[in-house]
């Protein structure tokens, strides 16, 4: 019985560790996009069109260059190495060209999202030069970069941008002006399950590029080309249904006459990659890829909400409403913030990691020793019972 108790406790600790800690990156707050530093990692000549969208698969960064809004002109799809090894383990140089195809027309190809579970790329068309493409997505094979099929979303609007929410198995899309530039959440079958409403009236620019999602935030570039106000990046809160940041962008250009940030995607915790079209002085039309690192927290313990306790009474407001009480631990780069109600303690991340590892190790060692002690006690009791049984038998024999 006690052995089962120990095993159950071990399983509980493992489940608590696995279920209570969300090991995923979330942007650190509404001001996380301020003063971003962008590092150029790739530059290539364009092929006569405009690179409209970007997404990342396990091994590749995929871009789509719209050659013309003409169903007779195929667009250029390019795959660049994402890592220093390819899918077969061979060494490669990141952001060098892996493969390129030009065998299909993808409308305006304004946005892309990769789903690692279905292993498909979903392309937001934006236009419908082919009438039946209105409100549709195209599906791309991430290995061959070929067209697979078409998915119908709506007859009322076209889709500007798209991203996949892996933790919810859902998609976020943004409609064109016919749909009020609203954000909508789609389920795994591409059915609209939630409309987050319009937000164009709060935005910089007069249209929108592709989007990406990180935690509670939708991030996109507004279209400001030719407006003379510079480049911006937007951040929209899903839970609050409002735009919370519109930050100016500085890519550190030199010798650039005009530019247009088109799309961005996630590469890792807080690491984003943007595709930017530029017109250079003397070198013509180029496409550039820029990396940026955004402040984030990657280890988040759900807030502990006390129920019936003296602490609960102290932290609840009128009507029994919580005043934000709880324990939240998050690692932001090299530090860890421990927040209990309105107080916050900042500790080095290495210290926190070491503390967690040592605590878990101590618990495992303690439980192992405890289990060993219980086993010794059981053996001793077993021997004692056997000794008593033999003594009883011997006494019975003598009495006969």
Protein backbone atom coordinates (compact mmCIF):
# COMPACT_ATOMS: atom_id res chain seq x y z
CA UNK A 1 0.00 0.00 0.00
CA UNK A 2 2.77 2.42 0.93
CA UNK A 3 4.70 1.48 -2.21
CA UNK A 4 1.69 2.47 -4.28
CA UNK A 5 1.51 5.72 -2.33
CA UNK A 6 5.14 6.53 -3.18
CA UNK A 7 4.62 5.72 -6.86
CA UNK A 8 1.47 7.83 -6.90
CA UNK A 9 3.33 10.74 -5.30
CA UNK A 10 6.08 10.50 -7.90
CA UNK A 11 3.51 10.50 -10.71
CA UNK A 12 1.78 13.48 -9.12
CA UNK A 13 5.04 15.45 -9.02
CA UNK A 14 5.74 14.63 -12.65
CA UNK A 15 2.24 15.67 -13.70
CA UNK A 16 2.46 18.81 -11.59
CA UNK A 17 5.77 19.69 -13.19
CA UNK A 18 4.55 18.93 -16.70
CA UNK A 19 1.08 20.40 -16.36
CA UNK A 20 1.73 23.38 -14.11
CA UNK A 21 4.60 24.85 -16.12
CA UNK A 22 3.80 26.24 -19.55
CA UNK A 23 7.08 25.93 -21.45
CA UNK A 24 6.31 28.37 -24.24
CA UNK A 25 7.33 31.90 -25.01
CA UNK A 26 5.03 34.83 -24.50
CA UNK A 27 5.90 38.46 -25.16
CA UNK A 28 6.76 40.17 -21.90
CA UNK A 29 4.18 42.97 -22.12
CA UNK A 30 2.54 45.74 -24.11
CA UNK A 31 5.83 47.65 -24.43
CA UNK A 32 7.91 44.66 -25.60
CA UNK A 33 8.17 45.99 -29.17
CA UNK A 34 9.71 49.31 -28.22
CA UNK A 35 13.13 50.18 -29.70
CA UNK A 36 13.65 46.80 -31.38
CA UNK A 37 17.07 46.08 -32.83
CA UNK A 38 16.96 44.42 -36.25
CA UNK A 39 19.83 42.35 -37.64
CA UNK A 40 19.98 41.77 -41.41
CA UNK A 41 20.65 38.07 -42.10
CA UNK A 42 19.92 37.77 -45.82
CA UNK A 43 19.69 39.88 -48.98
CA UNK A 44 18.78 38.77 -52.50
CA UNK A 45 17.69 40.41 -55.74
CA UNK A 46 13.97 40.19 -56.42
CA UNK A 47 12.69 38.55 -59.61
CA UNK A 48 10.52 41.40 -60.79
CA UNK A 49 7.82 41.10 -58.15
CA UNK A 50 7.28 41.88 -54.45
CA UNK A 51 7.90 39.37 -51.65
CA UNK A 52 4.62 39.39 -49.75
CA UNK A 53 4.79 36.74 -47.03
CA UNK A 54 7.02 34.51 -44.92
CA UNK A 55 6.65 31.49 -42.63
CA UNK A 56 8.97 28.99 -40.96
CA UNK A 57 8.78 25.19 -40.99
CA UNK A 58 11.02 22.82 -39.02
CA UNK A 59 14.00 23.25 -41.35
CA UNK A 60 13.13 26.05 -43.77
CA UNK A 61 12.07 29.68 -44.02
CA UNK A 62 9.58 30.02 -46.89
CA UNK A 63 8.91 33.26 -48.81
CA UNK A 64 6.43 34.02 -51.60
CA UNK A 65 7.10 36.67 -54.27
CA UNK A 66 4.00 37.95 -56.04
CA UNK A 67 5.01 38.48 -59.67
CA UNK A 68 1.71 40.04 -60.77
CA UNK A 69 -1.97 40.00 -59.86
CA UNK A 70 -2.56 37.99 -63.01
CA UNK A 71 -3.74 34.36 -63.03
CA UNK A 72 -1.50 33.67 -66.02
CA UNK A 73 1.75 34.66 -64.23
CA UNK A 74 3.12 32.12 -61.72
CA UNK A 75 4.66 33.41 -58.49
CA UNK A 76 8.07 32.60 -56.99
CA UNK A 77 8.23 30.44 -53.85
CA UNK A 78 11.64 30.19 -52.15
CA UNK A 79 12.88 28.04 -49.26
CA UNK A 80 15.94 29.08 -47.23
CA UNK A 81 17.74 26.96 -44.68
CA UNK A 82 16.55 27.80 -41.19
CA UNK A 83 19.26 25.92 -39.27
CA UNK A 84 22.91 24.96 -39.75
CA UNK A 85 21.84 21.47 -40.82
CA UNK A 86 19.25 20.39 -43.38
CA UNK A 87 16.49 17.81 -42.85
CA UNK A 88 19.00 15.03 -43.54
CA UNK A 89 21.55 16.30 -41.01
CA UNK A 90 23.94 17.72 -43.59
CA UNK A 91 25.74 20.96 -42.64
CA UNK A 92 24.41 24.08 -44.39
CA UNK A 93 24.59 27.84 -43.99
CA UNK A 94 21.45 29.40 -42.47
CA UNK A 95 19.46 31.70 -44.76
CA UNK A 96 21.05 30.42 -47.94
CA UNK A 97 18.73 29.24 -50.70
CA UNK A 98 17.65 25.59 -50.44
CA UNK A 99 15.09 25.40 -53.27
CA UNK A 100 12.92 27.62 -55.41
CA UNK A 101 9.89 26.95 -57.62
CA UNK A 102 7.73 29.03 -59.97
CA UNK A 103 4.94 26.75 -61.07
CA UNK A 104 1.70 28.19 -59.65
CA UNK A 105 -0.15 31.49 -59.34
CA UNK A 106 -0.95 32.24 -55.67
CA UNK A 107 -3.05 35.40 -56.15
CA UNK A 108 -1.47 38.20 -54.04
CA UNK A 109 -0.03 35.60 -51.55
CA UNK A 110 -0.31 38.18 -48.76
CA UNK A 111 0.15 35.81 -45.79
CA UNK A 112 1.25 32.33 -44.76
CA UNK A 113 0.97 30.01 -41.76
CA UNK A 114 2.55 26.60 -41.20
CA UNK A 115 0.79 23.87 -39.20
CA UNK A 116 3.35 21.27 -37.99
CA UNK A 117 0.58 18.80 -37.15
CA UNK A 118 -0.95 18.69 -40.62
CA UNK A 119 2.40 19.56 -42.26
CA UNK A 120 0.70 22.06 -44.54
CA UNK A 121 1.18 25.75 -45.30
CA UNK A 122 -1.97 27.88 -45.58
CA UNK A 123 -1.74 30.89 -47.86
CA UNK A 124 -3.90 34.01 -47.39
CA UNK A 125 -4.60 35.15 -50.95
CA UNK A 126 -5.95 38.69 -50.29
CA UNK A 127 -7.08 39.04 -53.92
CA UNK A 128 -9.38 36.98 -56.11
CA UNK A 129 -8.38 37.63 -59.72
CA UNK A 130 -9.94 34.19 -60.18
CA UNK A 131 -13.54 34.86 -59.11
CA UNK A 132 -14.07 31.60 -57.22
CA UNK A 133 -11.04 32.37 -55.01
CA UNK A 134 -12.94 35.02 -53.04
CA UNK A 135 -12.65 34.30 -49.32
CA UNK A 136 -10.34 31.33 -49.90
CA UNK A 137 -7.03 29.98 -48.67
CA UNK A 138 -4.61 27.99 -50.81
CA UNK A 139 -2.82 24.99 -49.27
CA UNK A 140 0.86 24.39 -50.02
CA UNK A 141 3.03 21.30 -49.55
CA UNK A 142 6.02 22.42 -47.40
CA UNK A 143 8.38 19.91 -49.02
CA UNK A 144 7.64 20.40 -52.71
CA UNK A 145 6.27 23.98 -52.39
CA UNK A 146 3.45 22.90 -54.71
CA UNK A 147 -0.26 23.75 -54.58
CA UNK A 148 -2.44 21.06 -52.93
CA UNK A 149 -6.01 22.34 -52.66
CA UNK A 150 -8.30 25.30 -51.86
CA UNK A 151 -10.21 26.02 -48.62
CA UNK A 152 -13.26 28.28 -48.63
CA UNK A 153 -13.65 30.60 -45.62
CA UNK A 154 -16.30 33.11 -46.69
CA UNK A 155 -18.02 34.71 -49.67
CA UNK A 156 -18.09 38.12 -47.93
CA UNK A 157 -14.42 39.06 -47.71
CA UNK A 158 -10.87 38.05 -48.60
CA UNK A 159 -8.14 37.05 -46.13
CA UNK A 160 -5.19 39.41 -45.56
CA UNK A 161 -3.11 37.42 -43.06
CA UNK A 162 -3.08 34.16 -41.14
CA UNK A 163 -1.23 32.37 -38.35
CA UNK A 164 -1.62 29.02 -36.57
CA UNK A 165 -2.11 28.76 -32.78
CA UNK A 166 -0.47 25.44 -31.97
CA UNK A 167 -1.46 25.41 -28.28
CA UNK A 168 -5.14 25.83 -29.23
CA UNK A 169 -5.16 24.10 -32.63
CA UNK A 170 -6.81 27.18 -34.12
CA UNK A 171 -6.03 29.86 -36.67
CA UNK A 172 -6.14 33.66 -36.52
CA UNK A 173 -6.96 35.52 -39.74
CA UNK A 174 -7.45 39.14 -40.65
CA UNK A 175 -10.03 40.12 -43.24
CA UNK A 176 -9.66 42.73 -45.95
CA UNK A 177 -11.65 45.98 -45.97
CA UNK A 178 -14.83 44.14 -46.98
CA UNK A 179 -14.75 42.45 -43.58
CA UNK A 180 -13.70 45.61 -41.74
CA UNK A 181 -10.08 44.44 -41.34
CA UNK A 182 -11.33 42.37 -38.40
CA UNK A 183 -9.46 39.56 -36.69
CA UNK A 184 -11.26 36.23 -36.55
CA UNK A 185 -10.42 32.91 -34.88
CA UNK A 186 -10.99 29.74 -36.89
CA UNK A 187 -11.16 26.20 -35.58
CA UNK A 188 -9.16 23.26 -36.96
CA UNK A 189 -11.78 22.91 -39.72
CA UNK A 190 -11.42 26.59 -40.70
CA UNK A 191 -14.83 27.53 -39.36
CA UNK A 192 -15.14 30.96 -37.68
CA UNK A 193 -15.60 30.45 -33.93
CA UNK A 194 -14.92 33.99 -32.71
CA UNK A 195 -14.89 37.47 -34.21
CA UNK A 196 -12.53 39.82 -32.40
CA UNK A 197 -13.94 42.87 -34.16
CA UNK A 198 -12.47 45.75 -36.16
CA UNK A 199 -9.44 47.80 -35.20
CA UNK A 200 -8.47 49.71 -38.35
CA UNK A 201 -9.60 53.01 -36.84
CA UNK A 202 -6.82 52.80 -34.23
CA UNK A 203 -4.07 51.79 -36.67
CA UNK A 204 -1.23 53.52 -38.43
CA UNK A 205 -1.49 53.20 -42.20
CA UNK A 206 -4.42 52.44 -44.47
CA UNK A 207 -4.13 48.66 -44.95
CA UNK A 208 -2.34 45.68 -43.41
CA UNK A 209 0.29 43.09 -44.23
CA UNK A 210 0.54 39.53 -42.88
CA UNK A 211 0.35 38.71 -39.15
CA UNK A 212 1.88 36.44 -36.53
CA UNK A 213 0.61 35.50 -33.06
CA UNK A 214 2.56 35.09 -29.83
CA UNK A 215 0.60 34.32 -26.68
CA UNK A 216 -2.13 36.92 -26.26
CA UNK A 217 -0.74 39.20 -28.95
CA UNK A 218 -1.38 39.50 -32.68
CA UNK A 219 1.52 41.30 -34.39
CA UNK A 220 1.47 42.78 -37.88
CA UNK A 221 2.85 45.52 -40.11
CA UNK A 222 0.43 48.26 -41.25
CA UNK A 223 0.81 49.45 -44.84
CA UNK A 224 2.34 52.95 -44.68
CA UNK A 225 4.13 52.96 -48.05
CA UNK A 226 4.09 56.43 -49.57
CA UNK A 227 2.51 58.08 -46.52
CA UNK A 228 5.74 59.69 -45.32
CA UNK A 229 5.29 58.54 -41.71
CA UNK A 230 7.85 55.73 -41.68
CA UNK A 231 7.38 52.06 -40.79
CA UNK A 232 5.38 50.71 -37.83
CA UNK A 233 4.67 47.45 -36.07
CA UNK A 234 1.33 46.81 -34.36
CA UNK A 235 0.46 44.63 -31.37
CA UNK A 236 -3.16 43.67 -30.69
CA UNK A 237 -4.38 41.95 -27.50
CA UNK A 238 -6.72 39.03 -28.14
CA UNK A 239 -8.11 38.97 -24.59
CA UNK A 240 -8.71 42.73 -24.43
CA UNK A 241 -9.77 43.01 -28.08
CA UNK A 242 -7.80 46.20 -28.65
CA UNK A 243 -4.58 47.44 -30.16
CA UNK A 244 -2.07 47.99 -27.37
CA UNK A 245 1.02 49.18 -29.26
CA UNK A 246 1.97 50.90 -32.52
CA UNK A 247 5.74 51.24 -32.43
CA UNK A 248 7.94 52.91 -35.09
CA UNK A 249 10.47 50.64 -36.80
CA UNK A 250 14.14 51.31 -37.51
CA UNK A 251 15.91 48.75 -39.68
CA UNK A 252 19.07 50.85 -39.80
CA UNK A 253 18.86 51.38 -43.56
CA UNK A 254 21.74 52.81 -45.55
CA UNK A 255 21.46 53.57 -49.24
CA UNK A 256 17.76 52.66 -49.35
CA UNK A 257 15.35 54.90 -51.30
CA UNK A 258 12.14 53.07 -50.36
CA UNK A 259 11.13 50.09 -48.26
CA UNK A 260 8.09 48.01 -47.36
CA UNK A 261 7.99 45.54 -44.42
CA UNK A 262 5.62 42.81 -45.58
CA UNK A 263 5.48 39.90 -43.15
CA UNK A 264 7.06 38.32 -40.09
CA UNK A 265 7.16 34.90 -38.46
CA UNK A 266 8.41 33.26 -35.25
CA UNK A 267 11.69 31.33 -35.21
CA UNK A 268 11.98 30.60 -31.49
CA UNK A 269 11.22 32.05 -28.05
CA UNK A 270 10.91 35.79 -28.65
CA UNK A 271 12.85 35.49 -31.92
CA UNK A 272 11.12 36.94 -35.00
CA UNK A 273 12.08 37.15 -38.66
CA UNK A 274 10.78 39.92 -40.93
CA UNK A 275 10.84 40.14 -44.72
CA UNK A 276 11.35 43.63 -46.14
CA UNK A 277 11.37 44.78 -49.77
CA UNK A 278 13.81 47.62 -50.47
CA UNK A 279 14.74 49.82 -53.39
CA UNK A 280 18.46 50.49 -53.10
CA UNK A 281 20.53 53.25 -54.64
CA UNK A 282 22.40 51.76 -57.59
CA UNK A 283 21.68 48.07 -56.82
CA UNK A 284 18.01 47.85 -57.72
CA UNK A 285 15.19 45.93 -56.03
CA UNK A 286 16.15 43.63 -53.18
CA UNK A 287 14.48 41.47 -50.55
CA UNK A 288 16.00 41.37 -47.08
CA UNK A 289 15.42 39.22 -44.01
CA UNK A 290 15.85 40.78 -40.56
CA UNK A 291 15.96 39.07 -37.17
CA UNK A 292 14.92 40.68 -33.90
CA UNK A 293 14.79 39.43 -30.32
CA UNK A 294 11.77 40.53 -28.29
CA UNK A 295 11.67 40.42 -24.46
CA UNK A 296 9.66 37.38 -23.42
CA UNK A 297 8.95 35.01 -20.55
CA UNK A 298 9.29 31.31 -21.24
CA UNK A 299 8.36 29.63 -17.94
CA UNK A 300 4.98 30.56 -16.55
CA UNK A 301 3.38 28.97 -13.49
CA UNK A 302 -0.40 29.59 -13.50
CA UNK A 303 -1.43 31.94 -10.72
CA UNK A 304 -2.31 30.25 -7.44
CA UNK A 305 -5.71 31.45 -6.30
CA UNK A 306 -6.34 30.91 -2.56
CA UNK A 307 -9.86 29.87 -1.63
CA UNK A 308 -10.90 29.73 2.03
CA UNK A 309 -7.95 30.97 4.05
CA UNK A 310 -6.86 34.00 6.06
CA UNK A 311 -4.67 34.99 3.10
CA UNK A 312 -7.69 34.92 0.81
CA UNK A 313 -9.57 37.42 2.97
CA UNK A 314 -6.58 39.77 2.91
CA UNK A 315 -6.17 39.79 -0.86
CA UNK A 316 -9.79 39.78 -2.00
CA UNK A 317 -11.57 42.99 -2.74
CA UNK A 318 -15.20 43.95 -2.23
CA UNK A 319 -17.63 41.21 -3.15
CA UNK A 320 -14.98 38.55 -2.83
CA UNK A 321 -13.18 39.60 -6.01
CA UNK A 322 -9.50 38.80 -6.23
CA UNK A 323 -7.10 41.74 -6.30
CA UNK A 324 -4.56 39.86 -8.41
CA UNK A 325 -3.36 37.58 -5.66
CA UNK A 326 -1.28 34.64 -6.68
CA UNK A 327 2.14 33.39 -7.49
CA UNK A 328 3.51 33.93 -10.96
CA UNK A 329 7.05 33.01 -11.90
CA UNK A 330 8.40 34.04 -15.27
CA UNK A 331 11.88 34.05 -16.73
CA UNK A 332 12.74 37.10 -18.79
CA UNK A 333 16.04 36.46 -20.57
CA UNK A 334 18.60 36.24 -17.74
CA UNK A 335 16.36 37.02 -14.79
CA UNK A 336 13.32 35.57 -13.08
CA UNK A 337 10.49 37.67 -11.70
CA UNK A 338 8.54 36.23 -8.78
CA UNK A 339 5.30 38.14 -8.32
CA UNK A 340 3.15 37.65 -5.23
CA UNK A 341 0.15 39.98 -5.22
CA UNK A 342 1.62 43.46 -5.78
CA UNK A 343 5.21 42.66 -4.75
CA UNK A 344 7.89 41.50 -7.15
CA UNK A 345 11.29 39.91 -6.57
CA UNK A 346 13.86 39.63 -9.36
CA UNK A 347 16.34 36.73 -9.25
CA UNK A 348 18.97 35.52 -11.72
CA UNK A 349 17.51 32.89 -14.07
CA UNK A 350 20.41 30.51 -13.38
CA UNK A 351 19.70 30.71 -9.66
CA UNK A 352 16.03 29.91 -10.20
CA UNK A 353 16.83 27.02 -12.52
CA UNK A 354 19.38 25.64 -10.07
CA UNK A 355 16.88 26.00 -7.22
CA UNK A 356 14.19 24.10 -9.15
CA UNK A 357 16.60 21.30 -10.13
CA UNK A 358 17.96 20.98 -6.58
CA UNK A 359 14.42 20.94 -5.14
CA UNK A 360 13.29 18.21 -7.50
CA UNK A 361 16.47 16.24 -6.85
CA UNK A 362 15.98 16.53 -3.08
CA UNK A 363 12.39 15.33 -3.37
CA UNK A 364 13.37 12.35 -5.49
CA UNK A 365 16.22 11.41 -3.14
CA UNK A 366 13.97 11.83 -0.10
CA UNK A 367 11.26 9.68 -1.64
CA UNK A 368 13.80 7.04 -2.65
CA UNK A 369 15.25 6.90 0.89
CA UNK A 370 11.76 6.85 2.38
CA UNK A 371 10.78 3.99 0.09
CA UNK A 372 13.96 2.10 1.12
CA UNK A 373 13.19 2.62 4.83
CA UNK A 374 9.64 1.37 4.31
CA UNK A 375 10.95 -1.72 2.53
CA UNK A 376 13.37 -2.47 5.40
CA UNK A 377 10.54 -2.08 7.91
CA UNK A 378 8.31 -4.42 5.91
CA UNK A 379 11.08 -7.03 5.77
CA UNK A 380 11.66 -6.75 9.51
CA UNK A 381 7.96 -7.13 10.26
CA UNK A 382 7.80 -10.09 7.91
CA UNK A 383 10.71 -11.76 9.70
CA UNK A 384 9.14 -10.99 13.07
CA UNK A 385 5.85 -12.57 11.97
CA UNK A 386 7.72 -15.63 10.69
CA UNK A 387 9.66 -15.90 13.98
CA UNK A 388 6.42 -15.74 15.98
CA UNK A 389 4.76 -18.32 13.72
CA UNK A 390 7.62 -20.76 14.21
CA UNK A 391 7.62 -20.17 17.97
CA UNK A 392 3.85 -20.84 18.12
CA UNK A 393 4.26 -24.07 16.17
CA UNK A 394 7.09 -25.16 18.48
CA UNK A 395 4.95 -24.51 21.57
CA UNK A 396 2.04 -26.48 20.08
CA UNK A 397 4.33 -29.46 19.42
CA UNK A 398 5.67 -29.44 22.97
CA UNK A 399 2.18 -29.31 24.47
CA UNK A 400 1.25 -32.46 22.53
